[in-house]
N, C-alpha and C. Protein backbone atom coordinates (compact mmCIF):
# COMPACT_ATOMS: atom_id res chain seq x y z
N MET A 1 -3.87 9.38 33.93
CA MET A 1 -4.35 8.95 32.60
C MET A 1 -5.39 9.86 32.05
N TYR A 2 -6.35 10.27 32.91
CA TYR A 2 -7.47 11.14 32.42
C TYR A 2 -6.90 12.47 32.02
N SER A 3 -5.85 13.00 32.71
CA SER A 3 -5.26 14.25 32.39
C SER A 3 -4.56 14.24 30.99
N PHE A 4 -3.75 13.15 30.78
CA PHE A 4 -2.97 13.04 29.50
C PHE A 4 -3.98 12.69 28.35
N ALA A 5 -5.15 12.11 28.71
CA ALA A 5 -6.05 11.72 27.61
C ALA A 5 -6.71 12.96 27.01
N GLN A 6 -6.59 14.12 27.65
CA GLN A 6 -7.20 15.34 27.07
C GLN A 6 -6.36 15.91 25.94
N ARG A 7 -5.13 15.40 25.81
CA ARG A 7 -4.22 15.97 24.74
C ARG A 7 -4.56 15.27 23.41
N ALA A 8 -4.54 16.02 22.34
CA ALA A 8 -4.83 15.54 21.00
C ALA A 8 -3.71 14.62 20.54
N ASP A 9 -2.50 14.82 21.11
CA ASP A 9 -1.33 14.07 20.67
C ASP A 9 -1.17 12.75 21.48
N MET A 10 -2.14 12.39 22.28
CA MET A 10 -2.00 11.17 23.13
C MET A 10 -3.11 10.23 22.91
N GLN A 11 -2.76 8.97 22.94
CA GLN A 11 -3.72 7.82 23.04
C GLN A 11 -3.36 7.07 24.34
N VAL A 12 -4.40 6.89 25.21
CA VAL A 12 -4.08 6.22 26.52
C VAL A 12 -4.54 4.77 26.51
N VAL A 13 -3.85 3.97 27.27
CA VAL A 13 -4.16 2.52 27.48
C VAL A 13 -4.25 2.30 28.98
N ASP A 14 -5.25 1.69 29.45
CA ASP A 14 -5.44 1.49 30.86
C ASP A 14 -5.02 0.08 31.31
N GLU A 15 -3.92 -0.02 32.08
CA GLU A 15 -3.47 -1.26 32.72
C GLU A 15 -3.54 -2.51 31.85
N PRO A 16 -2.85 -2.50 30.77
CA PRO A 16 -2.93 -3.70 29.89
C PRO A 16 -2.39 -4.95 30.42
N LEU A 17 -1.65 -4.89 31.54
CA LEU A 17 -1.06 -6.06 32.16
C LEU A 17 -1.83 -6.62 33.38
N TYR A 18 -2.99 -6.03 33.59
CA TYR A 18 -3.78 -6.52 34.74
C TYR A 18 -4.15 -7.98 34.59
N GLY A 19 -4.61 -8.44 33.49
CA GLY A 19 -4.90 -9.83 33.28
C GLY A 19 -3.72 -10.75 33.49
N HIS A 20 -2.57 -10.29 32.92
CA HIS A 20 -1.30 -11.05 33.08
C HIS A 20 -0.95 -11.11 34.56
N TYR A 21 -1.09 -10.02 35.32
CA TYR A 21 -0.70 -10.02 36.69
C TYR A 21 -1.60 -10.98 37.47
N LEU A 22 -2.93 -10.98 37.27
CA LEU A 22 -3.81 -11.87 37.96
C LEU A 22 -3.49 -13.33 37.65
N ARG A 23 -3.22 -13.63 36.42
CA ARG A 23 -2.86 -15.01 36.00
C ARG A 23 -1.58 -15.43 36.70
N ALA A 24 -0.53 -14.51 36.68
CA ALA A 24 0.80 -14.87 37.19
C ALA A 24 0.81 -14.99 38.67
N SER A 25 0.03 -14.11 39.35
CA SER A 25 0.13 -14.04 40.78
C SER A 25 -0.92 -14.86 41.53
N GLY A 26 -2.05 -15.05 40.89
CA GLY A 26 -3.23 -15.73 41.47
C GLY A 26 -3.94 -14.84 42.46
N ALA A 27 -3.60 -13.49 42.46
CA ALA A 27 -4.23 -12.59 43.38
C ALA A 27 -5.75 -12.57 43.24
N ALA A 28 -6.46 -12.46 44.39
CA ALA A 28 -7.86 -12.36 44.38
C ALA A 28 -8.27 -10.92 44.44
N HIS A 29 -8.54 -10.32 43.27
CA HIS A 29 -8.97 -8.90 43.22
C HIS A 29 -10.45 -8.85 42.78
N PRO A 30 -11.10 -7.73 43.16
CA PRO A 30 -12.49 -7.54 42.71
C PRO A 30 -12.62 -7.65 41.22
N GLY A 31 -13.58 -8.43 40.69
CA GLY A 31 -13.78 -8.58 39.27
C GLY A 31 -12.74 -9.47 38.56
N ARG A 32 -12.02 -10.26 39.32
CA ARG A 32 -10.95 -11.09 38.74
C ARG A 32 -11.41 -11.90 37.55
N GLU A 33 -12.56 -12.60 37.65
CA GLU A 33 -13.02 -13.46 36.57
C GLU A 33 -13.29 -12.70 35.28
N ASP A 34 -13.93 -11.56 35.44
CA ASP A 34 -14.21 -10.74 34.24
C ASP A 34 -12.88 -10.23 33.55
N ILE A 35 -11.92 -9.82 34.41
CA ILE A 35 -10.67 -9.29 33.89
C ILE A 35 -9.90 -10.35 33.13
N VAL A 36 -9.75 -11.47 33.77
CA VAL A 36 -9.05 -12.61 33.09
C VAL A 36 -9.77 -13.10 31.82
N ALA A 37 -11.07 -13.12 31.84
CA ALA A 37 -11.85 -13.61 30.68
C ALA A 37 -11.81 -12.62 29.53
N THR A 38 -11.66 -11.32 29.79
CA THR A 38 -11.74 -10.36 28.71
C THR A 38 -10.44 -9.78 28.24
N MET A 39 -9.33 -10.08 28.90
CA MET A 39 -8.00 -9.58 28.52
C MET A 39 -7.06 -10.71 27.99
N ASN A 40 -6.09 -10.31 27.16
CA ASN A 40 -5.01 -11.19 26.79
C ASN A 40 -4.13 -11.22 28.08
N CYS A 41 -3.91 -12.39 28.59
CA CYS A 41 -3.20 -12.57 29.85
C CYS A 41 -1.71 -13.02 29.64
N ASP A 42 -1.25 -12.96 28.37
CA ASP A 42 0.13 -13.15 28.07
C ASP A 42 0.80 -11.80 28.01
N GLY A 43 1.46 -11.41 29.16
CA GLY A 43 2.00 -10.10 29.25
C GLY A 43 2.98 -9.75 28.20
N ASP A 44 3.89 -10.66 27.84
CA ASP A 44 4.94 -10.43 26.83
C ASP A 44 4.29 -10.08 25.50
N ALA A 45 3.23 -10.86 25.11
CA ALA A 45 2.51 -10.61 23.89
C ALA A 45 1.79 -9.26 23.92
N VAL A 46 1.22 -8.91 24.97
CA VAL A 46 0.47 -7.61 25.16
C VAL A 46 1.43 -6.49 24.95
N MET A 47 2.60 -6.48 25.58
CA MET A 47 3.51 -5.37 25.44
C MET A 47 4.16 -5.30 24.07
N SER A 48 4.44 -6.46 23.50
CA SER A 48 5.03 -6.48 22.14
C SER A 48 4.04 -5.87 21.15
N ASP A 49 2.79 -6.21 21.26
CA ASP A 49 1.80 -5.68 20.32
C ASP A 49 1.64 -4.17 20.53
N LEU A 50 1.63 -3.75 21.80
CA LEU A 50 1.45 -2.29 22.00
C LEU A 50 2.61 -1.52 21.45
N ILE A 51 3.84 -1.98 21.79
CA ILE A 51 5.03 -1.16 21.40
C ILE A 51 5.19 -1.24 19.89
N GLU A 52 5.02 -2.36 19.24
CA GLU A 52 5.27 -2.49 17.84
C GLU A 52 4.20 -1.76 17.02
N HIS A 53 2.98 -1.64 17.54
CA HIS A 53 1.95 -0.96 16.81
C HIS A 53 1.73 0.49 17.17
N ALA A 54 2.58 1.01 18.09
CA ALA A 54 2.41 2.40 18.51
C ALA A 54 2.58 3.35 17.36
N ALA A 55 3.53 3.04 16.44
CA ALA A 55 3.81 3.96 15.28
C ALA A 55 2.59 4.11 14.38
N SER A 56 1.70 3.17 14.38
CA SER A 56 0.59 3.31 13.48
C SER A 56 -0.65 3.95 14.07
N LEU A 57 -0.55 4.38 15.32
CA LEU A 57 -1.70 5.02 16.03
C LEU A 57 -1.91 6.44 15.47
N PRO A 58 -3.13 6.95 15.45
CA PRO A 58 -3.36 8.35 15.04
C PRO A 58 -2.66 9.38 15.89
N ALA A 59 -2.55 9.09 17.21
CA ALA A 59 -1.87 10.03 18.07
C ALA A 59 -0.37 9.79 17.96
N THR A 60 0.42 10.80 18.25
CA THR A 60 1.90 10.71 18.14
C THR A 60 2.51 10.01 19.34
N THR A 61 1.81 9.93 20.47
CA THR A 61 2.34 9.32 21.67
C THR A 61 1.38 8.35 22.34
N LEU A 62 1.87 7.25 22.75
CA LEU A 62 1.07 6.22 23.47
C LEU A 62 1.37 6.34 24.93
N PHE A 63 0.31 6.65 25.74
CA PHE A 63 0.44 6.75 27.17
C PHE A 63 -0.10 5.51 27.80
N ILE A 64 0.73 4.70 28.43
CA ILE A 64 0.28 3.36 29.01
C ILE A 64 0.36 3.54 30.52
N LYS A 65 -0.79 3.35 31.11
CA LYS A 65 -0.90 3.38 32.60
C LYS A 65 -0.71 1.94 33.11
N HIS A 66 0.38 1.73 33.90
CA HIS A 66 0.62 0.44 34.52
C HIS A 66 0.50 0.62 36.03
N MET A 67 0.28 -0.51 36.74
CA MET A 67 0.55 -0.63 38.14
C MET A 67 1.86 -1.30 38.32
N ALA A 68 2.79 -0.82 39.15
CA ALA A 68 4.15 -1.37 39.25
C ALA A 68 4.12 -2.87 39.53
N HIS A 69 3.21 -3.30 40.37
CA HIS A 69 3.22 -4.69 40.77
C HIS A 69 2.67 -5.59 39.71
N HIS A 70 2.20 -5.00 38.60
CA HIS A 70 1.74 -5.86 37.47
C HIS A 70 2.90 -6.32 36.64
N LEU A 71 4.09 -5.65 36.82
CA LEU A 71 5.28 -5.93 35.99
C LEU A 71 6.10 -7.01 36.64
N VAL A 72 5.50 -8.22 36.65
CA VAL A 72 6.18 -9.42 37.23
C VAL A 72 6.08 -10.50 36.21
N GLN A 73 7.06 -11.41 36.26
CA GLN A 73 7.16 -12.57 35.41
C GLN A 73 7.00 -12.17 33.94
N ILE A 74 7.74 -11.12 33.49
CA ILE A 74 7.57 -10.57 32.19
C ILE A 74 8.92 -10.00 31.72
N ASP A 75 9.16 -10.07 30.35
CA ASP A 75 10.40 -9.51 29.79
C ASP A 75 10.24 -7.96 29.87
N LEU A 76 11.17 -7.29 30.58
CA LEU A 76 11.08 -5.88 30.74
C LEU A 76 11.89 -5.08 29.69
N GLN A 77 12.28 -5.75 28.61
CA GLN A 77 13.06 -5.00 27.57
C GLN A 77 12.25 -3.85 26.94
N PHE A 78 10.91 -3.93 27.01
CA PHE A 78 10.12 -2.89 26.36
C PHE A 78 10.31 -1.56 27.13
N LEU A 79 10.77 -1.58 28.37
CA LEU A 79 11.01 -0.35 29.13
C LEU A 79 12.06 0.53 28.42
N LEU A 80 12.91 -0.12 27.67
CA LEU A 80 14.01 0.65 27.00
C LEU A 80 13.45 1.64 25.91
N ARG A 81 12.19 1.33 25.46
CA ARG A 81 11.60 2.12 24.43
C ARG A 81 10.53 3.10 24.96
N CYS A 82 10.57 3.30 26.23
CA CYS A 82 9.55 4.18 26.87
C CYS A 82 10.20 5.23 27.66
N SER A 83 9.36 6.33 27.90
CA SER A 83 9.71 7.27 28.97
C SER A 83 8.96 6.87 30.23
N HIS A 84 9.42 7.28 31.37
CA HIS A 84 8.86 6.68 32.62
C HIS A 84 8.46 7.74 33.61
N ILE A 85 7.17 7.69 34.02
CA ILE A 85 6.64 8.55 35.07
C ILE A 85 6.12 7.62 36.16
N PHE A 86 6.64 7.76 37.39
CA PHE A 86 6.16 7.05 38.49
C PHE A 86 5.26 7.91 39.36
N LEU A 87 4.07 7.48 39.58
CA LEU A 87 3.12 8.22 40.49
C LEU A 87 3.13 7.52 41.86
N ILE A 88 3.31 8.30 42.90
CA ILE A 88 3.31 7.72 44.27
C ILE A 88 2.30 8.48 45.10
N ARG A 89 1.89 7.87 46.19
CA ARG A 89 1.01 8.51 47.14
C ARG A 89 1.45 8.14 48.51
N ASP A 90 1.48 9.11 49.48
CA ASP A 90 1.83 8.86 50.85
C ASP A 90 1.02 7.70 51.39
N PRO A 91 1.63 6.60 51.84
CA PRO A 91 0.88 5.46 52.35
C PRO A 91 -0.04 5.80 53.57
N ARG A 92 0.20 6.92 54.25
CA ARG A 92 -0.74 7.31 55.28
C ARG A 92 -2.05 7.72 54.70
N GLU A 93 -2.07 8.06 53.41
CA GLU A 93 -3.29 8.42 52.77
C GLU A 93 -3.79 7.35 51.79
N MET A 94 -2.85 6.56 51.24
CA MET A 94 -3.17 5.58 50.32
C MET A 94 -3.76 4.30 50.90
N LEU A 95 -3.13 3.85 52.05
CA LEU A 95 -3.58 2.53 52.61
C LEU A 95 -5.01 2.49 53.05
N PRO A 96 -5.62 3.53 53.68
CA PRO A 96 -7.04 3.36 54.00
C PRO A 96 -7.92 3.18 52.78
N SER A 97 -7.54 3.81 51.67
CA SER A 97 -8.30 3.64 50.45
C SER A 97 -8.07 2.21 49.85
N LEU A 98 -6.77 1.82 49.79
CA LEU A 98 -6.50 0.53 49.15
C LEU A 98 -7.19 -0.59 49.89
N THR A 99 -7.26 -0.53 51.18
CA THR A 99 -7.77 -1.65 51.95
C THR A 99 -9.31 -1.74 52.01
N VAL A 100 -9.97 -0.79 51.40
CA VAL A 100 -11.40 -0.92 51.16
C VAL A 100 -11.68 -2.05 50.14
N GLN A 101 -10.85 -2.03 49.06
CA GLN A 101 -11.05 -3.10 48.07
C GLN A 101 -10.21 -4.38 48.40
N LEU A 102 -9.04 -4.12 48.98
CA LEU A 102 -8.14 -5.25 49.32
C LEU A 102 -7.92 -5.24 50.88
N PRO A 103 -8.83 -5.80 51.61
CA PRO A 103 -8.74 -5.73 53.10
C PRO A 103 -7.46 -6.29 53.67
N HIS A 104 -6.83 -7.28 52.95
CA HIS A 104 -5.63 -7.95 53.47
C HIS A 104 -4.42 -7.57 52.67
N ALA A 105 -4.39 -6.30 52.19
CA ALA A 105 -3.31 -5.78 51.40
C ALA A 105 -1.94 -5.96 52.08
N THR A 106 -0.95 -6.17 51.27
CA THR A 106 0.44 -6.33 51.72
C THR A 106 1.29 -5.21 51.02
N LEU A 107 2.59 -5.15 51.40
CA LEU A 107 3.48 -4.23 50.77
C LEU A 107 3.51 -4.43 49.25
N ASP A 108 3.45 -5.68 48.75
CA ASP A 108 3.48 -5.96 47.36
C ASP A 108 2.29 -5.30 46.70
N ASP A 109 1.14 -5.30 47.30
CA ASP A 109 -0.08 -4.68 46.75
C ASP A 109 0.05 -3.19 46.57
N THR A 110 0.88 -2.55 47.32
CA THR A 110 1.03 -1.05 47.19
C THR A 110 1.89 -0.70 45.97
N GLY A 111 2.79 -1.64 45.58
CA GLY A 111 3.60 -1.36 44.45
C GLY A 111 4.87 -0.51 44.82
N LEU A 112 4.95 -0.01 46.06
CA LEU A 112 6.03 0.90 46.39
C LEU A 112 7.40 0.28 46.32
N LYS A 113 7.61 -0.94 46.88
CA LYS A 113 8.91 -1.59 46.77
C LYS A 113 9.19 -1.91 45.30
N ARG A 114 8.21 -2.31 44.61
CA ARG A 114 8.41 -2.69 43.17
C ARG A 114 8.78 -1.45 42.36
N GLN A 115 8.19 -0.31 42.69
CA GLN A 115 8.56 0.91 41.98
C GLN A 115 10.03 1.27 42.24
N TRP A 116 10.53 1.09 43.45
CA TRP A 116 11.92 1.42 43.72
C TRP A 116 12.83 0.45 42.96
N GLN A 117 12.41 -0.82 42.94
CA GLN A 117 13.23 -1.80 42.12
C GLN A 117 13.28 -1.48 40.65
N LEU A 118 12.10 -1.06 40.12
CA LEU A 118 12.03 -0.68 38.72
C LEU A 118 12.84 0.60 38.44
N LEU A 119 12.76 1.49 39.35
CA LEU A 119 13.52 2.78 39.19
C LEU A 119 15.00 2.45 39.09
N GLN A 120 15.47 1.64 40.00
CA GLN A 120 16.90 1.31 39.99
C GLN A 120 17.29 0.61 38.66
N GLN A 121 16.43 -0.30 38.17
CA GLN A 121 16.74 -0.96 36.94
C GLN A 121 16.72 -0.06 35.75
N ILE A 122 15.72 0.88 35.69
CA ILE A 122 15.63 1.82 34.56
C ILE A 122 16.83 2.76 34.56
N ARG A 123 17.17 3.26 35.72
CA ARG A 123 18.34 4.16 35.82
C ARG A 123 19.62 3.43 35.44
N SER A 124 19.77 2.18 35.73
CA SER A 124 21.01 1.42 35.36
C SER A 124 21.11 1.27 33.81
N ASN A 125 19.96 1.47 33.13
CA ASN A 125 19.94 1.43 31.71
C ASN A 125 20.21 2.81 31.06
N GLY A 126 20.51 3.78 31.98
CA GLY A 126 20.83 5.13 31.52
C GLY A 126 19.56 5.95 31.18
N GLN A 127 18.42 5.57 31.67
CA GLN A 127 17.15 6.29 31.43
C GLN A 127 16.80 7.08 32.64
N GLU A 128 15.98 8.11 32.44
CA GLU A 128 15.43 8.91 33.50
C GLU A 128 14.12 8.37 34.05
N VAL A 129 13.88 8.52 35.27
CA VAL A 129 12.53 8.25 35.85
C VAL A 129 12.05 9.49 36.52
N ILE A 130 10.90 9.94 36.16
CA ILE A 130 10.28 11.13 36.65
C ILE A 130 9.26 10.71 37.75
N VAL A 131 9.41 11.24 38.95
CA VAL A 131 8.52 10.81 40.03
C VAL A 131 7.51 11.93 40.32
N LEU A 132 6.25 11.58 40.36
CA LEU A 132 5.15 12.50 40.78
C LEU A 132 4.57 12.00 42.10
N ASP A 133 4.38 12.92 43.00
CA ASP A 133 3.64 12.57 44.24
C ASP A 133 2.31 13.17 44.16
N SER A 134 1.21 12.40 44.50
CA SER A 134 -0.09 12.84 44.37
C SER A 134 -0.46 14.14 45.17
N ARG A 135 0.12 14.20 46.30
CA ARG A 135 -0.13 15.40 47.13
C ARG A 135 0.47 16.68 46.45
N GLU A 136 1.66 16.57 45.94
CA GLU A 136 2.32 17.70 45.23
C GLU A 136 1.46 18.12 44.00
N VAL A 137 0.96 17.09 43.32
CA VAL A 137 0.10 17.37 42.11
C VAL A 137 -1.11 18.18 42.55
N LEU A 138 -1.76 17.71 43.62
CA LEU A 138 -2.99 18.42 44.04
C LEU A 138 -2.74 19.76 44.63
N LEU A 139 -1.58 19.97 45.22
CA LEU A 139 -1.28 21.30 45.78
C LEU A 139 -1.18 22.37 44.67
N ASP A 140 -0.67 21.99 43.51
CA ASP A 140 -0.54 22.98 42.41
C ASP A 140 -0.43 22.20 41.13
N PRO A 141 -1.61 21.71 40.58
CA PRO A 141 -1.54 20.86 39.37
C PRO A 141 -0.79 21.52 38.22
N GLU A 142 -1.02 22.78 37.99
CA GLU A 142 -0.46 23.37 36.81
C GLU A 142 1.05 23.41 36.87
N SER A 143 1.59 23.81 38.02
CA SER A 143 3.13 23.96 38.13
C SER A 143 3.78 22.59 37.99
N VAL A 144 3.13 21.59 38.65
CA VAL A 144 3.75 20.29 38.59
C VAL A 144 3.68 19.64 37.19
N LEU A 145 2.49 19.81 36.57
CA LEU A 145 2.37 19.30 35.21
C LEU A 145 3.21 20.07 34.20
N ARG A 146 3.41 21.36 34.38
CA ARG A 146 4.33 22.08 33.51
C ARG A 146 5.77 21.51 33.64
N LYS A 147 6.21 21.27 34.86
CA LYS A 147 7.51 20.68 35.05
C LYS A 147 7.63 19.30 34.44
N LEU A 148 6.64 18.51 34.66
CA LEU A 148 6.55 17.15 34.08
C LEU A 148 6.65 17.22 32.51
N CYS A 149 5.80 18.02 31.93
CA CYS A 149 5.92 18.11 30.50
C CYS A 149 7.20 18.58 30.01
N GLY A 150 7.83 19.52 30.68
CA GLY A 150 9.18 20.01 30.28
C GLY A 150 10.16 18.91 30.28
N ARG A 151 10.10 18.04 31.26
CA ARG A 151 11.12 16.94 31.35
C ARG A 151 10.84 15.84 30.35
N LEU A 152 9.55 15.81 29.87
CA LEU A 152 9.21 14.82 28.83
C LEU A 152 9.44 15.42 27.41
N GLY A 153 9.77 16.70 27.29
CA GLY A 153 9.91 17.35 26.00
C GLY A 153 8.64 17.66 25.39
N LEU A 154 7.57 17.89 26.19
CA LEU A 154 6.27 18.22 25.69
C LEU A 154 5.89 19.63 26.11
N THR A 155 4.96 20.23 25.35
CA THR A 155 4.45 21.57 25.71
C THR A 155 3.22 21.26 26.62
N PHE A 156 3.19 22.01 27.78
CA PHE A 156 2.07 21.86 28.64
C PHE A 156 0.84 22.39 27.97
N GLU A 157 -0.33 21.77 28.21
CA GLU A 157 -1.62 22.21 27.66
C GLU A 157 -2.60 22.43 28.85
N GLN A 158 -3.30 23.47 28.75
CA GLN A 158 -4.32 23.74 29.83
C GLN A 158 -5.40 22.73 29.90
N SER A 159 -5.62 22.03 28.77
CA SER A 159 -6.66 20.96 28.74
C SER A 159 -6.35 19.85 29.68
N MET A 160 -5.12 19.67 30.08
CA MET A 160 -4.70 18.59 31.02
C MET A 160 -5.27 18.80 32.39
N LEU A 161 -5.77 19.94 32.71
CA LEU A 161 -6.26 20.24 34.07
C LEU A 161 -7.70 19.86 34.28
N HIS A 162 -8.44 19.54 33.18
CA HIS A 162 -9.89 19.31 33.31
C HIS A 162 -10.29 18.18 32.34
N TRP A 163 -11.34 17.44 32.69
CA TRP A 163 -11.84 16.42 31.86
C TRP A 163 -13.38 16.28 32.17
N PRO A 164 -14.20 15.76 31.30
CA PRO A 164 -15.60 15.50 31.52
C PRO A 164 -15.82 14.46 32.58
N ALA A 165 -16.82 14.71 33.45
CA ALA A 165 -17.23 13.72 34.37
C ALA A 165 -17.67 12.38 33.71
N GLY A 166 -17.51 11.31 34.41
CA GLY A 166 -17.95 10.03 33.80
C GLY A 166 -16.77 9.15 33.30
N SER A 167 -17.09 8.05 32.76
CA SER A 167 -16.07 7.06 32.31
C SER A 167 -15.51 7.46 31.00
N ARG A 168 -14.44 6.77 30.65
CA ARG A 168 -13.83 6.83 29.36
C ARG A 168 -13.89 5.50 28.65
N SER A 169 -13.84 5.48 27.35
CA SER A 169 -13.87 4.23 26.59
C SER A 169 -12.72 3.37 26.89
N GLU A 170 -11.55 4.03 27.31
CA GLU A 170 -10.38 3.22 27.56
C GLU A 170 -10.35 2.56 28.92
N ASP A 171 -11.32 2.89 29.80
CA ASP A 171 -11.36 2.28 31.11
C ASP A 171 -11.45 0.80 31.01
N GLY A 172 -10.66 0.12 31.96
CA GLY A 172 -10.71 -1.32 32.01
C GLY A 172 -12.02 -1.75 32.57
N VAL A 173 -12.29 -3.08 32.49
CA VAL A 173 -13.54 -3.64 33.01
C VAL A 173 -13.60 -3.52 34.57
N TRP A 174 -12.43 -3.28 35.13
CA TRP A 174 -12.34 -3.13 36.58
C TRP A 174 -12.77 -1.75 37.07
N ALA A 175 -13.11 -0.88 36.17
CA ALA A 175 -13.37 0.49 36.53
C ALA A 175 -14.57 0.59 37.67
N LYS A 176 -15.52 -0.27 37.48
CA LYS A 176 -16.66 -0.17 38.37
C LYS A 176 -16.27 -0.51 39.79
N HIS A 177 -15.09 -1.13 40.00
CA HIS A 177 -14.62 -1.50 41.36
C HIS A 177 -13.70 -0.38 41.94
N TRP A 178 -13.05 0.32 41.01
CA TRP A 178 -11.89 1.20 41.48
C TRP A 178 -12.09 2.69 41.13
N TYR A 179 -12.96 3.03 40.15
CA TYR A 179 -12.86 4.33 39.59
C TYR A 179 -14.06 5.21 40.00
N GLN A 180 -14.77 4.91 41.03
CA GLN A 180 -15.95 5.70 41.39
C GLN A 180 -15.63 7.18 41.59
N ALA A 181 -14.52 7.47 42.26
CA ALA A 181 -14.14 8.87 42.60
C ALA A 181 -13.80 9.61 41.28
N VAL A 182 -12.93 9.01 40.45
CA VAL A 182 -12.50 9.71 39.28
C VAL A 182 -13.56 9.92 38.26
N HIS A 183 -14.59 9.03 38.30
CA HIS A 183 -15.73 9.24 37.34
C HIS A 183 -16.64 10.40 37.85
N LYS A 184 -16.52 10.77 39.08
CA LYS A 184 -17.30 11.96 39.62
C LYS A 184 -16.45 13.24 39.39
N SER A 185 -15.18 13.12 39.18
CA SER A 185 -14.33 14.27 39.09
C SER A 185 -14.37 14.97 37.68
N THR A 186 -13.99 16.26 37.66
CA THR A 186 -13.88 16.96 36.46
C THR A 186 -12.48 17.68 36.34
N GLY A 187 -11.61 17.28 37.27
CA GLY A 187 -10.29 17.84 37.28
C GLY A 187 -9.58 17.43 38.63
N PHE A 188 -8.48 18.13 38.89
CA PHE A 188 -7.71 17.81 40.11
C PHE A 188 -8.36 18.55 41.25
N SER A 189 -8.83 17.84 42.25
CA SER A 189 -9.46 18.44 43.41
C SER A 189 -8.42 19.02 44.36
N ALA A 190 -8.78 20.01 45.13
CA ALA A 190 -7.85 20.54 46.08
C ALA A 190 -7.37 19.51 47.07
N TYR A 191 -6.13 19.62 47.51
CA TYR A 191 -5.57 18.61 48.44
C TYR A 191 -6.26 18.75 49.81
N GLN A 192 -6.73 17.67 50.41
CA GLN A 192 -7.31 17.60 51.69
C GLN A 192 -6.61 16.45 52.47
N PRO A 193 -5.81 16.87 53.49
CA PRO A 193 -5.16 15.77 54.26
C PRO A 193 -6.11 14.95 55.07
N LYS A 194 -5.84 13.69 55.19
CA LYS A 194 -6.64 12.78 55.96
C LYS A 194 -6.30 12.98 57.39
N GLN A 195 -7.29 12.94 58.31
CA GLN A 195 -7.09 13.28 59.67
C GLN A 195 -6.73 12.07 60.55
N ASP A 196 -7.30 10.93 60.27
CA ASP A 196 -7.10 9.75 61.15
C ASP A 196 -6.50 8.61 60.35
N PHE A 197 -5.61 7.82 60.98
CA PHE A 197 -5.06 6.62 60.32
C PHE A 197 -5.44 5.44 61.17
N PRO A 198 -5.96 4.34 60.52
CA PRO A 198 -6.39 3.20 61.31
C PRO A 198 -5.26 2.47 61.99
N ALA A 199 -5.34 2.26 63.28
CA ALA A 199 -4.30 1.56 64.03
C ALA A 199 -4.02 0.18 63.48
N LYS A 200 -4.98 -0.47 62.87
CA LYS A 200 -4.75 -1.79 62.36
C LYS A 200 -3.80 -1.81 61.13
N LEU A 201 -3.55 -0.70 60.59
CA LEU A 201 -2.69 -0.60 59.39
C LEU A 201 -1.27 -0.09 59.73
N GLU A 202 -1.02 0.12 60.99
CA GLU A 202 0.25 0.66 61.37
C GLU A 202 1.45 -0.17 61.01
N THR A 203 1.32 -1.51 61.12
CA THR A 203 2.38 -2.43 60.73
C THR A 203 2.74 -2.32 59.30
N LEU A 204 1.67 -2.34 58.49
CA LEU A 204 1.85 -2.21 57.03
C LEU A 204 2.43 -0.79 56.70
N LEU A 205 2.01 0.19 57.37
CA LEU A 205 2.55 1.58 57.10
C LEU A 205 4.03 1.56 57.36
N ASP A 206 4.51 0.94 58.41
CA ASP A 206 5.92 0.89 58.74
C ASP A 206 6.73 0.20 57.64
N GLU A 207 6.14 -0.80 56.93
CA GLU A 207 6.76 -1.46 55.87
C GLU A 207 6.88 -0.54 54.65
N CYS A 208 5.86 0.27 54.48
CA CYS A 208 5.73 1.08 53.29
C CYS A 208 6.59 2.32 53.30
N LEU A 209 6.74 2.97 54.45
CA LEU A 209 7.31 4.30 54.56
C LEU A 209 8.72 4.40 54.02
N PRO A 210 9.63 3.40 54.32
CA PRO A 210 11.01 3.53 53.79
C PRO A 210 11.05 3.60 52.26
N TRP A 211 10.18 2.83 51.61
CA TRP A 211 10.14 2.86 50.14
C TRP A 211 9.57 4.15 49.63
N TYR A 212 8.45 4.62 50.27
CA TYR A 212 7.87 5.85 49.87
C TYR A 212 8.80 7.01 50.06
N ASP A 213 9.50 7.04 51.17
CA ASP A 213 10.37 8.16 51.45
C ASP A 213 11.47 8.25 50.45
N LYS A 214 12.04 7.12 50.03
CA LYS A 214 13.09 7.23 48.99
C LYS A 214 12.56 7.74 47.71
N LEU A 215 11.35 7.30 47.30
CA LEU A 215 10.74 7.76 46.03
C LEU A 215 10.38 9.28 46.14
N PHE A 216 9.79 9.65 47.30
CA PHE A 216 9.35 11.00 47.50
C PHE A 216 10.51 12.04 47.37
N ALA A 217 11.70 11.58 47.79
CA ALA A 217 12.87 12.48 47.72
C ALA A 217 13.22 12.90 46.34
N LEU A 218 12.72 12.13 45.35
CA LEU A 218 12.98 12.38 43.95
C LEU A 218 11.78 13.10 43.23
N ALA A 219 10.70 13.33 43.93
CA ALA A 219 9.47 13.81 43.36
C ALA A 219 9.56 15.27 42.94
N ILE A 220 8.84 15.61 41.86
CA ILE A 220 8.63 17.00 41.46
C ILE A 220 7.81 17.67 42.56
N ARG A 221 8.24 18.90 42.95
CA ARG A 221 7.53 19.62 43.96
C ARG A 221 6.60 20.73 43.39
N ALA A 222 5.54 20.90 44.10
CA ALA A 222 4.64 21.97 43.73
C ALA A 222 5.33 23.33 43.92
N GLN A 223 4.93 24.35 43.17
CA GLN A 223 5.46 25.66 43.36
C GLN A 223 4.95 26.24 44.73
N GLN A 224 5.88 26.77 45.49
CA GLN A 224 5.57 27.31 46.74
C GLN A 224 4.82 28.65 46.61
N PRO A 225 3.85 29.02 47.48
CA PRO A 225 3.17 30.32 47.40
C PRO A 225 4.18 31.41 47.41
N GLY A 226 4.03 32.33 46.45
CA GLY A 226 4.87 33.50 46.40
C GLY A 226 6.18 33.27 45.61
N ALA A 227 6.41 32.00 45.21
CA ALA A 227 7.69 31.73 44.50
C ALA A 227 7.51 32.11 43.02
């Protein structure tokens, strides 16, 4: 989201269905009361308003960041009017971070299974799904973003590689719980593999890997050195 927000032709929206998801699921997330109190929690109304009013925005394109598991108990017809980018992260690296905020996280909390279900549904409608893997992006941000933009029919812009440190006005009220690292960043940091994986998460990892592996097989790859 921060990368695409650097483009003059983009307006970004941060997780507009978070309130809907918390209301529908009853999930206990950090900042739940603030999120539900400050957002429209009617997911169908939220997406109808966003899609219908997109044409009146100053930017030519509306970039909406969703979490896959937020797309529950909602009419998904709006997906027909969108292009789709799925961002994934190896659960061996994602789970230790996720469980800092959600100590009892489940497969549903990772969104991986839901991403695969959504991918199948979107493809059945004759639409393309572009898959990005976070490791591939960090290995060579420019080459991956160039390929991504090409598949979206956009011209790549160097501005997408850097952004000012700190928060954005579009950040959700949940930013203080989840965005500490991105607020310190000014671009894509070099990829650093994690060395240790907590044994207590092995069972959850086993649940996640089959879904991640299927998605990763479709992901845009970084340019290989010398290629």
